[in-house]
N, C-alpha and C. Protein backbone atom coordinates (compact mmCIF):
# COMPACT_ATOMS: atom_id res chain seq x y z
N GLN A 1 1.71 27.05 -46.71
CA GLN A 1 1.45 25.63 -46.68
C GLN A 1 1.99 24.94 -47.93
N ARG A 2 1.76 25.53 -49.09
CA ARG A 2 2.24 24.94 -50.33
C ARG A 2 3.77 24.94 -50.39
N LEU A 3 4.39 25.97 -49.84
CA LEU A 3 5.85 26.03 -49.79
C LEU A 3 6.41 24.85 -49.01
N ILE A 4 5.78 24.52 -47.90
CA ILE A 4 6.22 23.39 -47.09
C ILE A 4 6.06 22.08 -47.86
N GLU A 5 4.95 21.94 -48.58
CA GLU A 5 4.74 20.72 -49.36
C GLU A 5 5.78 20.59 -50.47
N VAL A 6 6.09 21.69 -51.14
CA VAL A 6 7.10 21.65 -52.20
C VAL A 6 8.47 21.35 -51.60
N TRP A 7 8.82 22.02 -50.50
CA TRP A 7 10.13 21.83 -49.88
C TRP A 7 10.30 20.41 -49.36
N SER A 8 9.21 19.79 -48.89
CA SER A 8 9.31 18.43 -48.37
C SER A 8 9.53 17.40 -49.49
N MET A 9 9.26 17.77 -50.73
CA MET A 9 9.47 16.86 -51.85
C MET A 9 10.89 16.91 -52.41
N VAL A 10 11.71 17.85 -51.95
CA VAL A 10 13.10 17.93 -52.41
C VAL A 10 13.86 16.74 -51.82
N PRO A 11 14.53 15.94 -52.64
CA PRO A 11 15.22 14.75 -52.14
C PRO A 11 16.44 15.13 -51.30
N PHE A 12 16.37 14.78 -50.04
CA PHE A 12 17.38 15.14 -49.04
C PHE A 12 18.75 14.58 -49.39
N LEU A 13 18.82 13.30 -49.73
CA LEU A 13 20.10 12.66 -50.00
C LEU A 13 20.76 13.22 -51.25
N TYR A 14 19.98 13.54 -52.26
CA TYR A 14 20.55 14.12 -53.49
C TYR A 14 21.13 15.51 -53.22
N VAL A 15 20.47 16.28 -52.40
CA VAL A 15 21.00 17.61 -52.05
C VAL A 15 22.34 17.46 -51.35
N ILE A 16 22.45 16.50 -50.45
CA ILE A 16 23.72 16.27 -49.75
C ILE A 16 24.79 15.84 -50.74
N MET A 17 24.47 14.92 -51.65
CA MET A 17 25.47 14.46 -52.61
C MET A 17 25.92 15.58 -53.53
N ILE A 18 25.00 16.44 -53.94
CA ILE A 18 25.36 17.57 -54.80
C ILE A 18 26.24 18.55 -54.05
N LEU A 19 25.86 18.88 -52.81
CA LEU A 19 26.66 19.84 -52.04
C LEU A 19 28.04 19.29 -51.70
N VAL A 20 28.13 18.00 -51.40
CA VAL A 20 29.43 17.39 -51.09
C VAL A 20 30.34 17.42 -52.31
N SER A 21 29.77 17.28 -53.50
CA SER A 21 30.60 17.32 -54.71
C SER A 21 31.02 18.74 -55.08
N ILE A 22 30.29 19.74 -54.60
CA ILE A 22 30.61 21.14 -54.94
C ILE A 22 31.54 21.77 -53.92
N VAL A 23 31.21 21.64 -52.64
CA VAL A 23 31.99 22.29 -51.58
C VAL A 23 32.60 21.24 -50.65
N GLN A 24 33.58 21.67 -49.89
CA GLN A 24 34.22 20.81 -48.91
C GLN A 24 33.24 20.54 -47.76
N PRO A 25 32.90 19.27 -47.50
CA PRO A 25 31.92 18.99 -46.44
C PRO A 25 32.50 19.28 -45.06
N THR A 26 31.74 20.02 -44.28
CA THR A 26 32.11 20.32 -42.90
C THR A 26 30.95 19.95 -41.99
N PHE A 27 31.23 19.90 -40.72
CA PHE A 27 30.19 19.59 -39.74
C PHE A 27 29.10 20.66 -39.78
N THR A 28 29.50 21.92 -39.92
CA THR A 28 28.54 23.02 -39.97
C THR A 28 27.62 22.89 -41.19
N LEU A 29 28.17 22.48 -42.31
CA LEU A 29 27.36 22.29 -43.52
C LEU A 29 26.30 21.21 -43.30
N PHE A 30 26.70 20.10 -42.69
CA PHE A 30 25.75 19.01 -42.47
C PHE A 30 24.68 19.39 -41.46
N VAL A 31 25.05 20.12 -40.43
CA VAL A 31 24.05 20.58 -39.47
C VAL A 31 23.09 21.56 -40.14
N ALA A 32 23.62 22.45 -40.98
CA ALA A 32 22.76 23.40 -41.70
C ALA A 32 21.79 22.68 -42.63
N ILE A 33 22.26 21.65 -43.31
CA ILE A 33 21.37 20.88 -44.19
C ILE A 33 20.29 20.18 -43.38
N ASN A 34 20.68 19.61 -42.24
CA ASN A 34 19.69 18.95 -41.38
C ASN A 34 18.67 19.94 -40.84
N VAL A 35 19.12 21.15 -40.51
CA VAL A 35 18.18 22.17 -40.04
C VAL A 35 17.24 22.59 -41.17
N LEU A 36 17.79 22.74 -42.37
CA LEU A 36 16.95 23.14 -43.51
C LEU A 36 15.87 22.12 -43.84
N PHE A 37 16.19 20.84 -43.66
CA PHE A 37 15.23 19.80 -44.01
C PHE A 37 14.52 19.20 -42.80
N GLY A 38 15.03 19.40 -41.60
CA GLY A 38 14.49 18.74 -40.43
C GLY A 38 13.25 19.37 -39.82
N TRP A 39 13.00 20.63 -40.10
CA TRP A 39 11.88 21.32 -39.46
C TRP A 39 10.55 20.98 -40.09
N MET A 40 10.55 20.40 -41.28
CA MET A 40 9.29 20.19 -42.01
C MET A 40 8.38 19.18 -41.33
N GLY A 41 8.93 18.15 -40.77
CA GLY A 41 8.10 17.16 -40.10
C GLY A 41 7.36 17.72 -38.91
N MET A 42 7.97 18.70 -38.26
CA MET A 42 7.36 19.31 -37.09
C MET A 42 6.23 20.28 -37.45
N THR A 43 6.25 20.82 -38.66
CA THR A 43 5.25 21.82 -39.03
C THR A 43 3.85 21.23 -39.06
N TRP A 44 3.72 19.99 -39.49
CA TRP A 44 2.38 19.38 -39.53
C TRP A 44 1.82 19.24 -38.13
N TYR A 45 2.65 18.82 -37.18
CA TYR A 45 2.19 18.69 -35.80
C TYR A 45 1.85 20.05 -35.19
N MET A 46 2.72 21.03 -35.46
CA MET A 46 2.48 22.37 -34.90
C MET A 46 1.22 22.98 -35.50
N ARG A 47 0.98 22.78 -36.76
CA ARG A 47 -0.23 23.32 -37.40
C ARG A 47 -1.48 22.70 -36.77
N THR A 48 -1.44 21.39 -36.57
CA THR A 48 -2.57 20.71 -35.95
C THR A 48 -2.79 21.20 -34.53
N MET A 49 -1.71 21.33 -33.76
CA MET A 49 -1.83 21.81 -32.38
C MET A 49 -2.34 23.25 -32.34
N THR A 50 -1.89 24.08 -33.27
CA THR A 50 -2.33 25.47 -33.30
C THR A 50 -3.82 25.57 -33.59
N TYR A 51 -4.28 24.80 -34.56
CA TYR A 51 -5.72 24.80 -34.85
C TYR A 51 -6.52 24.27 -33.66
N LYS A 52 -6.00 23.25 -33.01
CA LYS A 52 -6.69 22.68 -31.85
C LYS A 52 -6.76 23.69 -30.70
N GLU A 53 -5.64 24.35 -30.43
CA GLU A 53 -5.62 25.34 -29.34
C GLU A 53 -6.44 26.57 -29.67
N SER A 54 -6.47 26.98 -30.93
CA SER A 54 -7.22 28.19 -31.28
C SER A 54 -8.73 27.97 -31.18
N ALA A 55 -9.18 26.73 -31.12
CA ALA A 55 -10.60 26.45 -30.96
C ALA A 55 -11.01 26.30 -29.50
N ARG A 56 -10.08 26.43 -28.58
CA ARG A 56 -10.40 26.26 -27.16
C ARG A 56 -11.14 27.48 -26.61
N GLU A 57 -11.79 27.27 -25.49
CA GLU A 57 -12.63 28.31 -24.91
C GLU A 57 -11.83 29.51 -24.43
N TYR A 58 -10.64 29.30 -23.87
CA TYR A 58 -9.88 30.44 -23.35
C TYR A 58 -9.42 31.36 -24.48
N VAL A 59 -9.20 30.82 -25.67
CA VAL A 59 -8.84 31.66 -26.82
C VAL A 59 -10.05 32.46 -27.26
N MET A 60 -11.21 31.81 -27.29
CA MET A 60 -12.43 32.53 -27.65
C MET A 60 -12.75 33.61 -26.62
N ALA A 61 -12.49 33.31 -25.34
CA ALA A 61 -12.72 34.31 -24.30
C ALA A 61 -11.77 35.49 -24.46
N ALA A 62 -10.52 35.22 -24.79
CA ALA A 62 -9.56 36.31 -25.01
C ALA A 62 -9.97 37.15 -26.21
N ARG A 63 -10.48 36.51 -27.26
CA ARG A 63 -10.98 37.26 -28.43
C ARG A 63 -12.17 38.13 -28.04
N ALA A 64 -13.06 37.55 -27.23
CA ALA A 64 -14.24 38.30 -26.81
C ALA A 64 -13.87 39.50 -25.94
N LEU A 65 -12.78 39.38 -25.20
CA LEU A 65 -12.32 40.49 -24.37
C LEU A 65 -11.55 41.53 -25.17
N GLY A 66 -11.33 41.27 -26.45
CA GLY A 66 -10.68 42.25 -27.32
C GLY A 66 -9.18 42.12 -27.43
N ALA A 67 -8.64 40.96 -27.07
CA ALA A 67 -7.19 40.76 -27.19
C ALA A 67 -6.80 40.71 -28.66
N SER A 68 -5.64 41.26 -28.96
CA SER A 68 -5.17 41.26 -30.34
C SER A 68 -4.72 39.85 -30.74
N THR A 69 -4.59 39.64 -32.04
CA THR A 69 -4.18 38.34 -32.55
C THR A 69 -2.78 37.98 -32.05
N GLY A 70 -1.88 38.95 -32.03
CA GLY A 70 -0.53 38.70 -31.54
C GLY A 70 -0.51 38.32 -30.07
N ARG A 71 -1.33 39.01 -29.28
CA ARG A 71 -1.40 38.70 -27.85
C ARG A 71 -1.94 37.29 -27.63
N ILE A 72 -2.98 36.93 -28.37
CA ILE A 72 -3.55 35.59 -28.25
C ILE A 72 -2.52 34.54 -28.68
N LEU A 73 -1.84 34.83 -29.77
CA LEU A 73 -0.86 33.88 -30.29
C LEU A 73 0.29 33.66 -29.32
N PHE A 74 0.88 34.76 -28.82
CA PHE A 74 2.08 34.63 -27.98
C PHE A 74 1.78 34.33 -26.52
N ASN A 75 0.62 34.71 -26.01
CA ASN A 75 0.32 34.48 -24.60
C ASN A 75 -0.53 33.24 -24.35
N HIS A 76 -1.27 32.78 -25.35
CA HIS A 76 -2.17 31.66 -25.12
C HIS A 76 -1.85 30.44 -25.97
N ILE A 77 -1.73 30.63 -27.27
CA ILE A 77 -1.57 29.48 -28.16
C ILE A 77 -0.14 28.94 -28.14
N LEU A 78 0.85 29.81 -28.31
CA LEU A 78 2.24 29.36 -28.40
C LEU A 78 2.73 28.63 -27.15
N PRO A 79 2.46 29.13 -25.93
CA PRO A 79 2.93 28.37 -24.76
C PRO A 79 2.34 26.96 -24.67
N ASN A 80 1.12 26.79 -25.14
CA ASN A 80 0.51 25.47 -25.08
C ASN A 80 0.93 24.56 -26.22
N THR A 81 1.42 25.13 -27.30
CA THR A 81 1.90 24.29 -28.41
C THR A 81 3.40 23.99 -28.30
N MET A 82 4.10 24.68 -27.43
CA MET A 82 5.54 24.43 -27.27
C MET A 82 5.82 23.03 -26.75
N VAL A 83 4.83 22.42 -26.11
CA VAL A 83 5.00 21.06 -25.62
C VAL A 83 5.33 20.12 -26.78
N MET A 84 4.72 20.37 -27.93
CA MET A 84 4.97 19.52 -29.10
C MET A 84 6.43 19.64 -29.56
N ILE A 85 6.95 20.86 -29.59
CA ILE A 85 8.34 21.06 -30.00
C ILE A 85 9.28 20.42 -28.99
N VAL A 86 9.00 20.62 -27.71
CA VAL A 86 9.86 20.06 -26.67
C VAL A 86 9.79 18.53 -26.69
N THR A 87 8.64 17.98 -27.04
CA THR A 87 8.49 16.53 -27.11
C THR A 87 9.24 15.95 -28.31
N LEU A 88 9.16 16.63 -29.45
CA LEU A 88 9.78 16.10 -30.67
C LEU A 88 11.27 16.43 -30.80
N ALA A 89 11.75 17.44 -30.08
CA ALA A 89 13.15 17.87 -30.22
C ALA A 89 14.16 16.76 -29.91
N PRO A 90 14.02 15.99 -28.82
CA PRO A 90 15.03 14.95 -28.58
C PRO A 90 15.07 13.90 -29.68
N PHE A 91 13.91 13.57 -30.23
CA PHE A 91 13.88 12.57 -31.30
C PHE A 91 14.49 13.13 -32.58
N THR A 92 14.31 14.42 -32.81
CA THR A 92 14.93 15.07 -33.97
C THR A 92 16.44 15.11 -33.81
N ILE A 93 16.90 15.42 -32.61
CA ILE A 93 18.35 15.44 -32.34
C ILE A 93 18.93 14.04 -32.50
N ALA A 94 18.24 13.03 -31.97
CA ALA A 94 18.71 11.65 -32.11
C ALA A 94 18.75 11.23 -33.58
N ALA A 95 17.74 11.61 -34.34
CA ALA A 95 17.73 11.28 -35.77
C ALA A 95 18.85 11.98 -36.51
N THR A 96 19.16 13.22 -36.12
CA THR A 96 20.26 13.96 -36.75
C THR A 96 21.60 13.30 -36.46
N ILE A 97 21.81 12.89 -35.22
CA ILE A 97 23.05 12.20 -34.85
C ILE A 97 23.18 10.90 -35.64
N THR A 98 22.10 10.16 -35.73
CA THR A 98 22.11 8.90 -36.48
C THR A 98 22.37 9.14 -37.97
N ALA A 99 21.74 10.18 -38.52
CA ALA A 99 21.94 10.48 -39.95
C ALA A 99 23.38 10.91 -40.23
N LEU A 100 23.96 11.73 -39.35
CA LEU A 100 25.35 12.14 -39.54
C LEU A 100 26.29 10.93 -39.47
N THR A 101 26.03 10.03 -38.53
CA THR A 101 26.85 8.83 -38.41
C THR A 101 26.70 7.94 -39.65
N ALA A 102 25.48 7.78 -40.12
CA ALA A 102 25.25 6.94 -41.31
C ALA A 102 25.92 7.53 -42.54
N ARG A 103 25.84 8.86 -42.69
CA ARG A 103 26.48 9.50 -43.84
C ARG A 103 28.00 9.35 -43.78
N ASP A 104 28.55 9.49 -42.59
CA ASP A 104 30.00 9.30 -42.44
C ASP A 104 30.39 7.86 -42.77
N TYR A 105 29.58 6.91 -42.35
CA TYR A 105 29.87 5.51 -42.63
C TYR A 105 29.83 5.22 -44.13
N LEU A 106 28.89 5.84 -44.83
CA LEU A 106 28.75 5.62 -46.28
C LEU A 106 29.76 6.41 -47.10
N GLY A 107 30.51 7.30 -46.45
CA GLY A 107 31.51 8.08 -47.17
C GLY A 107 30.99 9.40 -47.69
N LEU A 108 29.76 9.77 -47.34
CA LEU A 108 29.19 11.04 -47.78
C LEU A 108 29.30 12.12 -46.71
N GLY A 109 30.00 11.81 -45.64
CA GLY A 109 30.08 12.74 -44.53
C GLY A 109 31.37 13.52 -44.50
N LEU A 110 31.88 13.70 -43.31
CA LEU A 110 33.10 14.47 -43.11
C LEU A 110 34.29 13.72 -43.68
N MET A 111 35.27 14.47 -44.10
CA MET A 111 36.46 13.86 -44.70
C MET A 111 37.30 13.16 -43.62
N PRO A 112 38.08 12.14 -43.98
CA PRO A 112 38.79 11.28 -43.03
C PRO A 112 39.64 11.94 -41.94
N PRO A 113 40.30 13.08 -42.12
CA PRO A 113 41.04 13.58 -40.96
C PRO A 113 40.12 13.99 -39.81
N THR A 114 38.87 14.28 -40.09
CA THR A 114 37.93 14.67 -39.05
C THR A 114 37.39 13.41 -38.38
N PRO A 115 37.52 13.30 -37.06
CA PRO A 115 37.04 12.10 -36.39
C PRO A 115 35.51 12.08 -36.35
N SER A 116 34.95 10.90 -36.59
CA SER A 116 33.50 10.76 -36.52
C SER A 116 33.16 9.31 -36.22
N TRP A 117 31.97 9.10 -35.71
CA TRP A 117 31.54 7.74 -35.40
C TRP A 117 31.39 6.90 -36.66
N GLY A 118 30.94 7.50 -37.72
CA GLY A 118 30.81 6.75 -38.97
C GLY A 118 32.15 6.28 -39.49
N GLU A 119 33.15 7.14 -39.38
CA GLU A 119 34.51 6.77 -39.81
C GLU A 119 35.04 5.63 -38.94
N LEU A 120 34.79 5.69 -37.63
CA LEU A 120 35.22 4.61 -36.75
C LEU A 120 34.50 3.30 -37.07
N LEU A 121 33.21 3.38 -37.40
CA LEU A 121 32.49 2.17 -37.80
C LEU A 121 33.07 1.59 -39.08
N GLN A 122 33.44 2.45 -40.01
CA GLN A 122 34.06 2.01 -41.26
C GLN A 122 35.40 1.32 -40.97
N GLN A 123 36.20 1.90 -40.06
CA GLN A 123 37.47 1.27 -39.68
C GLN A 123 37.24 -0.06 -38.98
N GLY A 124 36.19 -0.12 -38.16
CA GLY A 124 35.86 -1.38 -37.48
C GLY A 124 35.44 -2.46 -38.46
N LYS A 125 34.76 -2.06 -39.53
CA LYS A 125 34.35 -3.03 -40.55
C LYS A 125 35.56 -3.58 -41.30
N SER A 126 36.55 -2.72 -41.53
CA SER A 126 37.73 -3.19 -42.24
C SER A 126 38.70 -3.94 -41.32
N ASN A 127 38.56 -3.79 -40.01
CA ASN A 127 39.40 -4.50 -39.03
C ASN A 127 38.52 -5.41 -38.18
N LEU A 128 38.03 -6.47 -38.76
CA LEU A 128 37.12 -7.36 -38.05
C LEU A 128 37.80 -8.12 -36.92
N ASP A 129 39.13 -8.16 -36.92
CA ASP A 129 39.83 -8.83 -35.83
C ASP A 129 39.92 -7.95 -34.58
N SER A 130 39.43 -6.73 -34.65
CA SER A 130 39.41 -5.81 -33.51
C SER A 130 37.96 -5.39 -33.22
N PRO A 131 37.20 -6.25 -32.56
CA PRO A 131 35.77 -5.95 -32.36
C PRO A 131 35.52 -4.80 -31.39
N TRP A 132 36.50 -4.42 -30.59
CA TRP A 132 36.29 -3.33 -29.64
C TRP A 132 36.09 -1.98 -30.33
N ILE A 133 36.56 -1.85 -31.56
CA ILE A 133 36.36 -0.59 -32.29
C ILE A 133 34.86 -0.38 -32.52
N VAL A 134 34.22 -1.38 -33.09
CA VAL A 134 32.78 -1.26 -33.37
C VAL A 134 31.99 -1.25 -32.07
N ALA A 135 32.39 -2.07 -31.10
CA ALA A 135 31.65 -2.14 -29.84
C ALA A 135 31.68 -0.80 -29.10
N SER A 136 32.83 -0.15 -29.10
CA SER A 136 32.91 1.14 -28.40
C SER A 136 32.09 2.21 -29.10
N VAL A 137 32.08 2.20 -30.43
CA VAL A 137 31.30 3.19 -31.17
C VAL A 137 29.81 2.96 -30.97
N VAL A 138 29.38 1.72 -31.10
CA VAL A 138 27.95 1.41 -30.94
C VAL A 138 27.50 1.73 -29.52
N THR A 139 28.32 1.39 -28.52
CA THR A 139 27.98 1.72 -27.14
C THR A 139 27.88 3.22 -26.94
N SER A 140 28.80 3.97 -27.50
CA SER A 140 28.76 5.43 -27.38
C SER A 140 27.52 6.01 -28.04
N ILE A 141 27.21 5.54 -29.23
CA ILE A 141 26.02 6.04 -29.94
C ILE A 141 24.76 5.74 -29.14
N VAL A 142 24.63 4.51 -28.66
CA VAL A 142 23.44 4.14 -27.90
C VAL A 142 23.32 4.97 -26.63
N LEU A 143 24.43 5.14 -25.91
CA LEU A 143 24.39 5.93 -24.68
C LEU A 143 24.01 7.38 -24.95
N VAL A 144 24.58 7.98 -25.97
CA VAL A 144 24.26 9.37 -26.28
C VAL A 144 22.80 9.51 -26.69
N LEU A 145 22.31 8.61 -27.53
CA LEU A 145 20.92 8.70 -27.97
C LEU A 145 19.95 8.49 -26.81
N VAL A 146 20.25 7.56 -25.92
CA VAL A 146 19.39 7.34 -24.76
C VAL A 146 19.43 8.55 -23.83
N MET A 147 20.61 9.13 -23.61
CA MET A 147 20.71 10.31 -22.75
C MET A 147 19.96 11.50 -23.35
N VAL A 148 20.08 11.71 -24.65
CA VAL A 148 19.35 12.81 -25.30
C VAL A 148 17.85 12.61 -25.13
N THR A 149 17.40 11.38 -25.29
CA THR A 149 15.97 11.09 -25.15
C THR A 149 15.51 11.31 -23.71
N PHE A 150 16.27 10.85 -22.73
CA PHE A 150 15.89 11.04 -21.33
C PHE A 150 15.92 12.51 -20.91
N ILE A 151 16.93 13.24 -21.37
CA ILE A 151 16.99 14.67 -21.06
C ILE A 151 15.80 15.39 -21.69
N GLY A 152 15.47 15.04 -22.91
CA GLY A 152 14.30 15.64 -23.56
C GLY A 152 13.01 15.31 -22.83
N GLU A 153 12.89 14.10 -22.34
CA GLU A 153 11.70 13.71 -21.58
C GLU A 153 11.61 14.49 -20.27
N ALA A 154 12.74 14.71 -19.61
CA ALA A 154 12.74 15.49 -18.37
C ALA A 154 12.37 16.95 -18.63
N ILE A 155 12.88 17.51 -19.72
CA ILE A 155 12.53 18.89 -20.07
C ILE A 155 11.05 18.98 -20.42
N ARG A 156 10.54 17.99 -21.14
CA ARG A 156 9.12 18.00 -21.49
C ARG A 156 8.25 17.93 -20.24
N ALA A 157 8.63 17.09 -19.28
CA ALA A 157 7.87 16.98 -18.04
C ALA A 157 7.93 18.27 -17.24
N ALA A 158 9.07 18.97 -17.29
CA ALA A 158 9.20 20.22 -16.54
C ALA A 158 8.35 21.33 -17.14
N PHE A 159 8.18 21.33 -18.45
CA PHE A 159 7.43 22.40 -19.12
C PHE A 159 6.01 22.00 -19.48
N ASP A 160 5.52 20.90 -18.97
CA ASP A 160 4.19 20.43 -19.31
C ASP A 160 3.13 21.39 -18.77
N PRO A 161 2.33 22.03 -19.64
CA PRO A 161 1.35 23.00 -19.15
C PRO A 161 0.21 22.33 -18.39
N LYS A 162 -0.06 21.06 -18.64
CA LYS A 162 -1.14 20.39 -17.93
C LYS A 162 -0.80 20.19 -16.46
N LYS A 163 0.47 20.22 -16.14
CA LYS A 163 0.90 20.09 -14.76
C LYS A 163 0.51 21.33 -13.94
N PHE A 164 0.49 22.48 -14.61
CA PHE A 164 0.23 23.73 -13.92
C PHE A 164 -1.17 24.28 -14.19
N THR A 165 -1.98 23.56 -14.95
CA THR A 165 -3.31 24.04 -15.32
C THR A 165 -4.37 23.25 -14.59
N ARG A 166 -5.34 23.98 -14.07
CA ARG A 166 -6.48 23.33 -13.43
C ARG A 166 -7.73 23.67 -14.23
N TYR A 167 -8.44 22.66 -14.65
CA TYR A 167 -9.72 22.87 -15.32
C TYR A 167 -10.81 22.62 -14.29
N VAL A 168 -11.64 23.60 -14.13
CA VAL A 168 -12.70 23.48 -13.12
C VAL A 168 -14.01 23.13 -13.77
């Protein structure tokens, strides 16, 4: 728990600026940085869900029947807490896409020969007489983010444990 608190206090933007000044920025590097810093927000939700699920009656019944901690964790608690990950994943992906685009626009992203939405937005800003550049990029970003969100919502609905659970 303390490790997560310490890691969440590391300034994300400064780490990116330091790494960009040391090594050649690549798409893989930026995805790795987002993965290293992106999981922390989900840990608080998962911890809360795990505590909530571990206090339920079916977990206590499994303990009373002599089930091991691993069996309870993987067969009872984890399947019911996966809904949180599936629910938050599309928003995390959308935030990552937005962050990569913003970094490219600010010049902290991929180098100019690599095509990116941020680079196209920067070109659109410098060519204000060609509004279709910015319009096409903004339309593409909005469509991708909406599709990621809708696909995530469909996956969440498909894996919803309440849909398959009956409480008597």
